[in-house]
């Protein structure tokens, strides 16, 4: 990996120069509540100047892709990922339902390398999905950066694994975040993603998923590690409310 450091740093520099390609996707949610008062706006402006937002300032990539509810392939949605790379094997992402100023925070994703994924117990792996198809199909994009920089990033992501929880189901809860968090999954083959969702995304971002698929043909397609994408075998995990608390067992 060390030999690729200059290239990756160049990618980050280009990312800063070109921006994140945002502002073209409105939130699907109209949350109730009064308009911000002048006092609130003044307080926000002061806080924006005076307070540091160090974790947010470390967000260094913007990705756009699609998820579905684990166990419900028909429950699909677009997701805007704002990603921080914590180290060479671990990323974390804040996920929104849009990329404008009124976007709603709908969940989080943790992304780990294949090396770390192989250390997980098999039961834990069932909560994770691979990114091999999302990358190779062209479905996952990094808006606003040149193709060469995006290709470099996708080479890095193709072998990673993600664990997603949505806390606001913005495809159906159109006012407030209701119910329990839901475990999400990524698509693994052609014919699963609703083509209308994909076409609408491509139009807004002025991209071609089909063309990106061709551009990424040279990226190696690695074998998915055992345990990931467990939903494909009907082995589904999902959260439910319970009135009995049981402390989680930490497996190492």
C-alpha atoms as a PDB file:
ATOM      1  CA  UNK A   1       0.000   0.000   0.000  1.00  0.00           C
ATOM      2  CA  UNK A   2       2.886   2.364   0.724  1.00  0.00           C
ATOM      3  CA  UNK A   3       3.724   2.695  -2.984  1.00  0.00           C
ATOM      4  CA  UNK A   4       0.223   4.030  -3.623  1.00  0.00           C
ATOM      5  CA  UNK A   5       0.359   6.745  -0.964  1.00  0.00           C
ATOM      6  CA  UNK A   6       1.366   9.590  -3.337  1.00  0.00           C
ATOM      7  CA  UNK A   7      -1.414   8.648  -5.762  1.00  0.00           C
ATOM      8  CA  UNK A   8      -3.997   8.524  -2.994  1.00  0.00           C
ATOM      9  CA  UNK A   9      -2.856  11.851  -1.578  1.00  0.00           C
ATOM     10  CA  UNK A  10      -3.173  13.320  -5.052  1.00  0.00           C
ATOM     11  CA  UNK A  11      -6.714  11.988  -5.161  1.00  0.00           C
ATOM     12  CA  UNK A  12      -7.530  13.779  -1.915  1.00  0.00           C
ATOM     13  CA  UNK A  13      -6.097  17.024  -3.234  1.00  0.00           C
ATOM     14  CA  UNK A  14      -8.197  16.744  -6.378  1.00  0.00           C
ATOM     15  CA  UNK A  15     -11.233  15.997  -4.239  1.00  0.00           C
ATOM     16  CA  UNK A  16     -10.795  19.262  -2.376  1.00  0.00           C
ATOM     17  CA  UNK A  17     -10.362  21.222  -5.590  1.00  0.00           C
ATOM     18  CA  UNK A  18     -13.409  19.851  -7.360  1.00  0.00           C
ATOM     19  CA  UNK A  19     -15.848  19.818  -4.437  1.00  0.00           C
ATOM     20  CA  UNK A  20     -18.328  17.059  -3.691  1.00  0.00           C
ATOM     21  CA  UNK A  21     -20.865  17.443  -6.492  1.00  0.00           C
ATOM     22  CA  UNK A  22     -23.653  18.193  -4.017  1.00  0.00           C
ATOM     23  CA  UNK A  23     -26.777  20.292  -4.013  1.00  0.00           C
ATOM     24  CA  UNK A  24     -28.721  18.350  -6.633  1.00  0.00           C
ATOM     25  CA  UNK A  25     -30.742  15.980  -4.437  1.00  0.00           C
ATOM     26  CA  UNK A  26     -33.449  17.300  -2.144  1.00  0.00           C
ATOM     27  CA  UNK A  27     -34.534  15.541   1.033  1.00  0.00           C
ATOM     28  CA  UNK A  28     -37.571  13.301   0.689  1.00  0.00           C
ATOM     29  CA  UNK A  29     -38.768  14.312   4.160  1.00  0.00           C
ATOM     30  CA  UNK A  30     -40.814  17.343   5.235  1.00  0.00           C
ATOM     31  CA  UNK A  31     -40.249  17.430   8.992  1.00  0.00           C
ATOM     32  CA  UNK A  32     -42.773  19.294  11.158  1.00  0.00           C
ATOM     33  CA  UNK A  33     -41.675  22.320  13.171  1.00  0.00           C
ATOM     34  CA  UNK A  34     -41.620  26.086  13.123  1.00  0.00           C
ATOM     35  CA  UNK A  35     -39.321  28.212  10.996  1.00  0.00           C
ATOM     36  CA  UNK A  36     -36.044  29.194  12.612  1.00  0.00           C
ATOM     37  CA  UNK A  37     -36.298  32.475  14.474  1.00  0.00           C
ATOM     38  CA  UNK A  38     -33.850  35.323  13.996  1.00  0.00           C
ATOM     39  CA  UNK A  39     -32.413  34.583  17.426  1.00  0.00           C
ATOM     40  CA  UNK A  40     -31.785  30.940  16.482  1.00  0.00           C
ATOM     41  CA  UNK A  41     -30.070  31.991  13.252  1.00  0.00           C
ATOM     42  CA  UNK A  42     -27.823  34.437  15.102  1.00  0.00           C
ATOM     43  CA  UNK A  43     -26.857  31.781  17.660  1.00  0.00           C
ATOM     44  CA  UNK A  44     -26.118  29.303  14.861  1.00  0.00           C
ATOM     45  CA  UNK A  45     -23.956  31.831  13.028  1.00  0.00           C
ATOM     46  CA  UNK A  46     -21.981  32.566  16.191  1.00  0.00           C
ATOM     47  CA  UNK A  47     -21.500  28.894  16.979  1.00  0.00           C
ATOM     48  CA  UNK A  48     -20.406  28.229  13.403  1.00  0.00           C
ATOM     49  CA  UNK A  49     -17.610  30.777  13.760  1.00  0.00           C
ATOM     50  CA  UNK A  50     -16.533  30.003  17.313  1.00  0.00           C
ATOM     51  CA  UNK A  51     -16.927  26.253  17.736  1.00  0.00           C
ATOM     52  CA  UNK A  52     -14.635  23.653  16.248  1.00  0.00           C
ATOM     53  CA  UNK A  53     -16.179  20.697  14.409  1.00  0.00           C
ATOM     54  CA  UNK A  54     -13.095  18.546  14.218  1.00  0.00           C
ATOM     55  CA  UNK A  55     -14.732  15.149  13.486  1.00  0.00           C
ATOM     56  CA  UNK A  56     -16.794  16.671  10.676  1.00  0.00           C
ATOM     57  CA  UNK A  57     -13.766  18.418   9.217  1.00  0.00           C
ATOM     58  CA  UNK A  58     -12.181  14.981   8.739  1.00  0.00           C
ATOM     59  CA  UNK A  59     -14.829  13.879   6.239  1.00  0.00           C
ATOM     60  CA  UNK A  60     -12.751  13.364   3.110  1.00  0.00           C
ATOM     61  CA  UNK A  61     -14.999  11.640   0.575  1.00  0.00           C
ATOM     62  CA  UNK A  62     -18.575  11.691  -0.702  1.00  0.00           C
ATOM     63  CA  UNK A  63     -20.140   8.513  -2.098  1.00  0.00           C
ATOM     64  CA  UNK A  64     -23.567   7.883  -3.566  1.00  0.00           C
ATOM     65  CA  UNK A  65     -25.134   4.434  -3.702  1.00  0.00           C
ATOM     66  CA  UNK A  66     -28.164   2.343  -2.811  1.00  0.00           C
ATOM     67  CA  UNK A  67     -29.280   0.144   0.097  1.00  0.00           C
ATOM     68  CA  UNK A  68     -32.186  -2.101   0.995  1.00  0.00           C
ATOM     69  CA  UNK A  69     -33.652  -3.347   4.255  1.00  0.00           C
ATOM     70  CA  UNK A  70     -32.118  -6.657   5.258  1.00  0.00           C
ATOM     71  CA  UNK A  71     -34.783  -9.254   4.530  1.00  0.00           C
ATOM     72  CA  UNK A  72     -36.785  -6.958   2.233  1.00  0.00           C
ATOM     73  CA  UNK A  73     -35.195  -6.555  -1.182  1.00  0.00           C
ATOM     74  CA  UNK A  74     -38.084  -4.363  -2.313  1.00  0.00           C
ATOM     75  CA  UNK A  75     -37.368  -1.739   0.373  1.00  0.00           C
ATOM     76  CA  UNK A  76     -34.748   0.203  -1.584  1.00  0.00           C
ATOM     77  CA  UNK A  77     -33.377   3.716  -1.281  1.00  0.00           C
ATOM     78  CA  UNK A  78     -30.594   6.030  -2.391  1.00  0.00           C
ATOM     79  CA  UNK A  79     -27.994   6.982   0.211  1.00  0.00           C
ATOM     80  CA  UNK A  80     -25.488   9.833   0.344  1.00  0.00           C
ATOM     81  CA  UNK A  81     -22.355   8.830   2.271  1.00  0.00           C
ATOM     82  CA  UNK A  82     -19.993  11.371   3.844  1.00  0.00           C
ATOM     83  CA  UNK A  83     -16.919   9.329   4.697  1.00  0.00           C
ATOM     84  CA  UNK A  84     -14.005   9.682   7.087  1.00  0.00           C
ATOM     85  CA  UNK A  85     -11.023   7.367   6.744  1.00  0.00           C
ATOM     86  CA  UNK A  86      -9.835   6.611  10.290  1.00  0.00           C
ATOM     87  CA  UNK A  87      -6.905   4.452   9.169  1.00  0.00           C
ATOM     88  CA  UNK A  88      -5.944   2.199   6.263  1.00  0.00           C
ATOM     89  CA  UNK A  89      -8.456  -0.484   7.294  1.00  0.00           C
ATOM     90  CA  UNK A  90     -11.383   1.444   8.770  1.00  0.00           C
ATOM     91  CA  UNK A  91     -13.780   4.100   7.478  1.00  0.00           C
ATOM     92  CA  UNK A  92     -16.930   5.564   8.969  1.00  0.00           C
ATOM     93  CA  UNK A  93     -19.729   7.312   7.093  1.00  0.00           C
ATOM     94  CA  UNK A  94     -22.635   9.580   7.934  1.00  0.00           C
ATOM     95  CA  UNK A  95     -25.546   8.881   5.594  1.00  0.00           C
ATOM     96  CA  UNK A  96     -28.167  11.349   4.420  1.00  0.00           C
ATOM     97  CA  UNK A  97     -31.248  11.228   2.211  1.00  0.00           C
ATOM     98  CA  UNK A  98     -29.950  14.095   0.086  1.00  0.00           C
ATOM     99  CA  UNK A  99     -26.971  16.367  -0.425  1.00  0.00           C
ATOM    100  CA  UNK A 100     -28.580  19.763   0.159  1.00  0.00           C
ATOM    101  CA  UNK A 101     -28.709  21.924   3.278  1.00  0.00           C
ATOM    102  CA  UNK A 102     -31.957  20.285   4.466  1.00  0.00           C
ATOM    103  CA  UNK A 103     -30.747  16.681   4.052  1.00  0.00           C
ATOM    104  CA  UNK A 104     -31.870  14.338   6.832  1.00  0.00           C
ATOM    105  CA  UNK A 105     -29.362  12.171   8.674  1.00  0.00           C
ATOM    106  CA  UNK A 106     -30.644   8.639   8.153  1.00  0.00           C
ATOM    107  CA  UNK A 107     -27.902   6.344   9.365  1.00  0.00           C
ATOM    108  CA  UNK A 108     -24.283   5.321   9.676  1.00  0.00           C
ATOM    109  CA  UNK A 109     -22.016   2.879   7.923  1.00  0.00           C
ATOM    110  CA  UNK A 110     -18.767   1.330   9.091  1.00  0.00           C
ATOM    111  CA  UNK A 111     -16.453   0.120   6.347  1.00  0.00           C
ATOM    112  CA  UNK A 112     -13.574  -2.264   7.011  1.00  0.00           C
ATOM    113  CA  UNK A 113     -10.890  -3.952   4.946  1.00  0.00           C
ATOM    114  CA  UNK A 114     -10.994  -7.604   3.996  1.00  0.00           C
ATOM    115  CA  UNK A 115      -8.150  -8.160   6.462  1.00  0.00           C
ATOM    116  CA  UNK A 116     -10.279  -6.949   9.387  1.00  0.00           C
ATOM    117  CA  UNK A 117     -13.414  -8.667   8.122  1.00  0.00           C
ATOM    118  CA  UNK A 118     -11.668 -12.036   8.217  1.00  0.00           C
ATOM    119  CA  UNK A 119     -11.030 -11.553  11.953  1.00  0.00           C
ATOM    120  CA  UNK A 120     -14.763 -11.314  12.749  1.00  0.00           C
ATOM    121  CA  UNK A 121     -16.751 -14.263  14.162  1.00  0.00           C
ATOM    122  CA  UNK A 122     -19.056 -15.867  11.589  1.00  0.00           C
ATOM    123  CA  UNK A 123     -22.191 -14.667  13.383  1.00  0.00           C
ATOM    124  CA  UNK A 124     -20.949 -11.069  13.306  1.00  0.00           C
ATOM    125  CA  UNK A 125     -20.157 -11.327   9.591  1.00  0.00           C
ATOM    126  CA  UNK A 126     -23.852 -11.884   8.871  1.00  0.00           C
ATOM    127  CA  UNK A 127     -24.445  -8.203   9.694  1.00  0.00           C
ATOM    128  CA  UNK A 128     -22.063  -7.078   6.955  1.00  0.00           C
ATOM    129  CA  UNK A 129     -22.233  -6.823   3.164  1.00  0.00           C
ATOM    130  CA  UNK A 130     -19.552  -6.825   0.501  1.00  0.00           C
ATOM    131  CA  UNK A 131     -18.884  -3.910  -1.843  1.00  0.00           C
ATOM    132  CA  UNK A 132     -17.610  -5.947  -4.786  1.00  0.00           C
ATOM    133  CA  UNK A 133     -20.763  -5.649  -6.900  1.00  0.00           C
ATOM    134  CA  UNK A 134     -21.507  -2.047  -5.944  1.00  0.00           C
ATOM    135  CA  UNK A 135     -18.075  -1.061  -7.263  1.00  0.00           C
ATOM    136  CA  UNK A 136     -17.843  -3.307 -10.317  1.00  0.00           C
ATOM    137  CA  UNK A 137     -21.378  -2.549 -11.526  1.00  0.00           C
ATOM    138  CA  UNK A 138     -20.790   1.216 -11.484  1.00  0.00           C
ATOM    139  CA  UNK A 139     -23.673   1.620  -9.023  1.00  0.00           C
ATOM    140  CA  UNK A 140     -21.443   3.232  -6.369  1.00  0.00           C
ATOM    141  CA  UNK A 141     -20.117   6.630  -7.421  1.00  0.00           C
ATOM    142  CA  UNK A 142     -17.993   9.417  -5.975  1.00  0.00           C
ATOM    143  CA  UNK A 143     -19.663  12.542  -7.427  1.00  0.00           C
ATOM    144  CA  UNK A 144     -17.725  15.616  -8.427  1.00  0.00           C
ATOM    145  CA  UNK A 145     -14.247  14.162  -8.927  1.00  0.00           C
ATOM    146  CA  UNK A 146     -12.409  13.182 -12.132  1.00  0.00           C
ATOM    147  CA  UNK A 147     -12.790   9.621 -13.417  1.00  0.00           C
ATOM    148  CA  UNK A 148      -9.160   8.759 -12.707  1.00  0.00           C
ATOM    149  CA  UNK A 149      -9.486   9.757  -9.048  1.00  0.00           C
ATOM    150  CA  UNK A 150     -12.799   7.920  -8.700  1.00  0.00           C
ATOM    151  CA  UNK A 151     -11.253   4.795 -10.215  1.00  0.00           C
ATOM    152  CA  UNK A 152      -8.426   4.981  -7.682  1.00  0.00           C
ATOM    153  CA  UNK A 153     -10.935   5.162  -4.833  1.00  0.00           C
ATOM    154  CA  UNK A 154     -13.020   2.277  -6.194  1.00  0.00           C
ATOM    155  CA  UNK A 155      -9.934   0.069  -6.426  1.00  0.00           C
ATOM    156  CA  UNK A 156      -9.585   0.609  -2.700  1.00  0.00           C
ATOM    157  CA  UNK A 157     -13.259   0.007  -1.859  1.00  0.00           C
ATOM    158  CA  UNK A 158     -13.927  -3.099  -3.972  1.00  0.00           C
ATOM    159  CA  UNK A 159     -12.492  -5.456  -1.352  1.00  0.00           C
ATOM    160  CA  UNK A 160     -14.088  -3.779   1.676  1.00  0.00           C
ATOM    161  CA  UNK A 161     -17.149  -4.722   3.747  1.00  0.00           C
ATOM    162  CA  UNK A 162     -19.832  -2.481   5.226  1.00  0.00           C
ATOM    163  CA  UNK A 163     -22.196  -2.581   8.196  1.00  0.00           C
ATOM    164  CA  UNK A 164     -25.123  -0.177   7.940  1.00  0.00           C
ATOM    165  CA  UNK A 165     -27.856   0.856  10.335  1.00  0.00           C
ATOM    166  CA  UNK A 166     -30.560   3.316   9.288  1.00  0.00           C
ATOM    167  CA  UNK A 167     -32.117   5.250  12.157  1.00  0.00           C
ATOM    168  CA  UNK A 168     -34.516   7.254   9.987  1.00  0.00           C
ATOM    169  CA  UNK A 169     -36.413   5.339   7.305  1.00  0.00           C
ATOM    170  CA  UNK A 170     -36.761   8.290   4.981  1.00  0.00           C
ATOM    171  CA  UNK A 171     -38.479   6.275   2.254  1.00  0.00           C
ATOM    172  CA  UNK A 172     -41.559   5.825   4.447  1.00  0.00           C
ATOM    173  CA  UNK A 173     -41.295   7.914   7.645  1.00  0.00           C
ATOM    174  CA  UNK A 174     -41.679  11.273   5.928  1.00  0.00           C
ATOM    175  CA  UNK A 175     -41.898  13.513   9.000  1.00  0.00           C
ATOM    176  CA  UNK A 176     -39.942  12.060  11.940  1.00  0.00           C
ATOM    177  CA  UNK A 177     -37.561   9.143  12.649  1.00  0.00           C
ATOM    178  CA  UNK A 178     -39.882   6.404  13.907  1.00  0.00           C
ATOM    179  CA  UNK A 179     -39.462   2.802  14.998  1.00  0.00           C
ATOM    180  CA  UNK A 180     -36.284   0.879  15.615  1.00  0.00           C
ATOM    181  CA  UNK A 181     -33.022   1.155  13.661  1.00  0.00           C
ATOM    182  CA  UNK A 182     -32.862  -1.221  10.712  1.00  0.00           C
ATOM    183  CA  UNK A 183     -29.939  -3.220   9.349  1.00  0.00           C
ATOM    184  CA  UNK A 184     -29.336  -2.495   5.673  1.00  0.00           C
ATOM    185  CA  UNK A 185     -27.622  -4.432   2.906  1.00  0.00           C
ATOM    186  CA  UNK A 186     -26.025  -3.745  -0.483  1.00  0.00           C
ATOM    187  CA  UNK A 187     -26.882  -5.265  -3.846  1.00  0.00           C
ATOM    188  CA  UNK A 188     -24.875  -8.204  -5.124  1.00  0.00           C
ATOM    189  CA  UNK A 189     -25.966  -8.854  -8.719  1.00  0.00           C
ATOM    190  CA  UNK A 190     -27.793  -7.446 -11.717  1.00  0.00           C
ATOM    191  CA  UNK A 191     -31.574  -7.253 -11.617  1.00  0.00           C
ATOM    192  CA  UNK A 192     -31.891  -6.478  -7.897  1.00  0.00           C
ATOM    193  CA  UNK A 193     -31.814  -2.658  -7.907  1.00  0.00           C
ATOM    194  CA  UNK A 194     -34.921  -0.871  -9.163  1.00  0.00           C
ATOM    195  CA  UNK A 195     -33.841   0.563 -12.566  1.00  0.00           C
ATOM    196  CA  UNK A 196     -35.987   3.663 -12.034  1.00  0.00           C
ATOM    197  CA  UNK A 197     -34.044   4.564  -8.892  1.00  0.00           C
ATOM    198  CA  UNK A 198     -30.780   4.144 -10.759  1.00  0.00           C
ATOM    199  CA  UNK A 199     -31.916   6.133 -13.805  1.00  0.00           C
ATOM    200  CA  UNK A 200     -33.147   9.000 -11.629  1.00  0.00           C
ATOM    201  CA  UNK A 201     -29.822   9.136  -9.757  1.00  0.00           C
ATOM    202  CA  UNK A 202     -27.803   9.049 -12.979  1.00  0.00           C
ATOM    203  CA  UNK A 203     -29.846  11.896 -14.443  1.00  0.00           C
ATOM    204  CA  UNK A 204     -29.375  14.137 -11.395  1.00  0.00           C
ATOM    205  CA  UNK A 205     -25.623  13.559 -11.289  1.00  0.00           C
ATOM    206  CA  UNK A 206     -25.191  13.481 -15.065  1.00  0.00           C
ATOM    207  CA  UNK A 207     -23.409  10.125 -14.939  1.00  0.00           C
ATOM    208  CA  UNK A 208     -23.786   6.782 -16.689  1.00  0.00           C
ATOM    209  CA  UNK A 209     -23.664   3.685 -14.514  1.00  0.00           C
ATOM    210  CA  UNK A 210     -23.197   1.556 -17.628  1.00  0.00           C
ATOM    211  CA  UNK A 211     -20.171   3.605 -18.652  1.00  0.00           C
ATOM    212  CA  UNK A 212     -18.693   3.404 -15.164  1.00  0.00           C
ATOM    213  CA  UNK A 213     -19.086  -0.383 -15.264  1.00  0.00           C
ATOM    214  CA  UNK A 214     -16.974  -0.450 -18.438  1.00  0.00           C
ATOM    215  CA  UNK A 215     -14.370   1.864 -16.903  1.00  0.00           C
ATOM    216  CA  UNK A 216     -14.016  -0.442 -13.889  1.00  0.00           C
ATOM    217  CA  UNK A 217     -13.658  -3.673 -15.854  1.00  0.00           C
ATOM    218  CA  UNK A 218      -9.950  -3.757 -14.982  1.00  0.00           C
ATOM    219  CA  UNK A 219     -10.612  -3.731 -11.217  1.00  0.00           C
ATOM    220  CA  UNK A 220     -10.159  -7.308  -9.945  1.00  0.00           C
ATOM    221  CA  UNK A 221     -13.310  -9.044  -8.717  1.00  0.00           C
ATOM    222  CA  UNK A 222     -12.309 -10.754  -5.497  1.00  0.00           C
ATOM    223  CA  UNK A 223     -14.043 -13.735  -3.913  1.00  0.00           C
ATOM    224  CA  UNK A 224     -16.455 -12.678  -1.165  1.00  0.00           C
ATOM    225  CA  UNK A 225     -15.321 -13.867   2.257  1.00  0.00           C
ATOM    226  CA  UNK A 226     -17.556 -16.424   3.957  1.00  0.00           C
ATOM    227  CA  UNK A 227     -20.331 -14.927   6.098  1.00  0.00           C
ATOM    228  CA  UNK A 228     -20.936 -11.681   4.210  1.00  0.00           C
ATOM    229  CA  UNK A 229     -24.234 -11.116   2.360  1.00  0.00           C
ATOM    230  CA  UNK A 230     -25.897 -13.775   4.518  1.00  0.00           C
ATOM    231  CA  UNK A 231     -29.332 -12.614   3.314  1.00  0.00           C
ATOM    232  CA  UNK A 232     -28.618 -14.312  -0.029  1.00  0.00           C
ATOM    233  CA  UNK A 233     -28.902 -17.645   1.783  1.00  0.00           C
ATOM    234  CA  UNK A 234     -32.029 -16.597   3.683  1.00  0.00           C
ATOM    235  CA  UNK A 235     -30.058 -15.979   6.873  1.00  0.00           C
ATOM    236  CA  UNK A 236     -31.478 -12.589   7.860  1.00  0.00           C
ATOM    237  CA  UNK A 237     -30.719 -10.501  10.946  1.00  0.00           C
ATOM    238  CA  UNK A 238     -32.853  -7.514  11.972  1.00  0.00           C
ATOM    239  CA  UNK A 239     -33.448  -5.451  15.117  1.00  0.00           C
ATOM    240  CA  UNK A 240     -36.663  -5.616  17.128  1.00  0.00           C
ATOM    241  CA  UNK A 241     -37.995  -3.904  20.244  1.00  0.00           C
ATOM    242  CA  UNK A 242     -38.041  -5.978  23.424  1.00  0.00           C
ATOM    243  CA  UNK A 243     -39.040  -5.251  27.027  1.00  0.00           C
ATOM    244  CA  UNK A 244     -36.185  -7.344  28.374  1.00  0.00           C
ATOM    245  CA  UNK A 245     -32.624  -6.053  28.377  1.00  0.00           C
ATOM    246  CA  UNK A 246     -29.763  -8.454  27.824  1.00  0.00           C
ATOM    247  CA  UNK A 247     -26.201  -7.216  27.840  1.00  0.00           C
ATOM    248  CA  UNK A 248     -24.444  -7.996  24.533  1.00  0.00           C
ATOM    249  CA  UNK A 249     -21.829 -10.697  24.471  1.00  0.00           C
ATOM    250  CA  UNK A 250     -18.568  -9.373  23.100  1.00  0.00           C
ATOM    251  CA  UNK A 251     -16.816 -11.899  20.935  1.00  0.00           C
ATOM    252  CA  UNK A 252     -13.174 -11.704  20.105  1.00  0.00           C
END
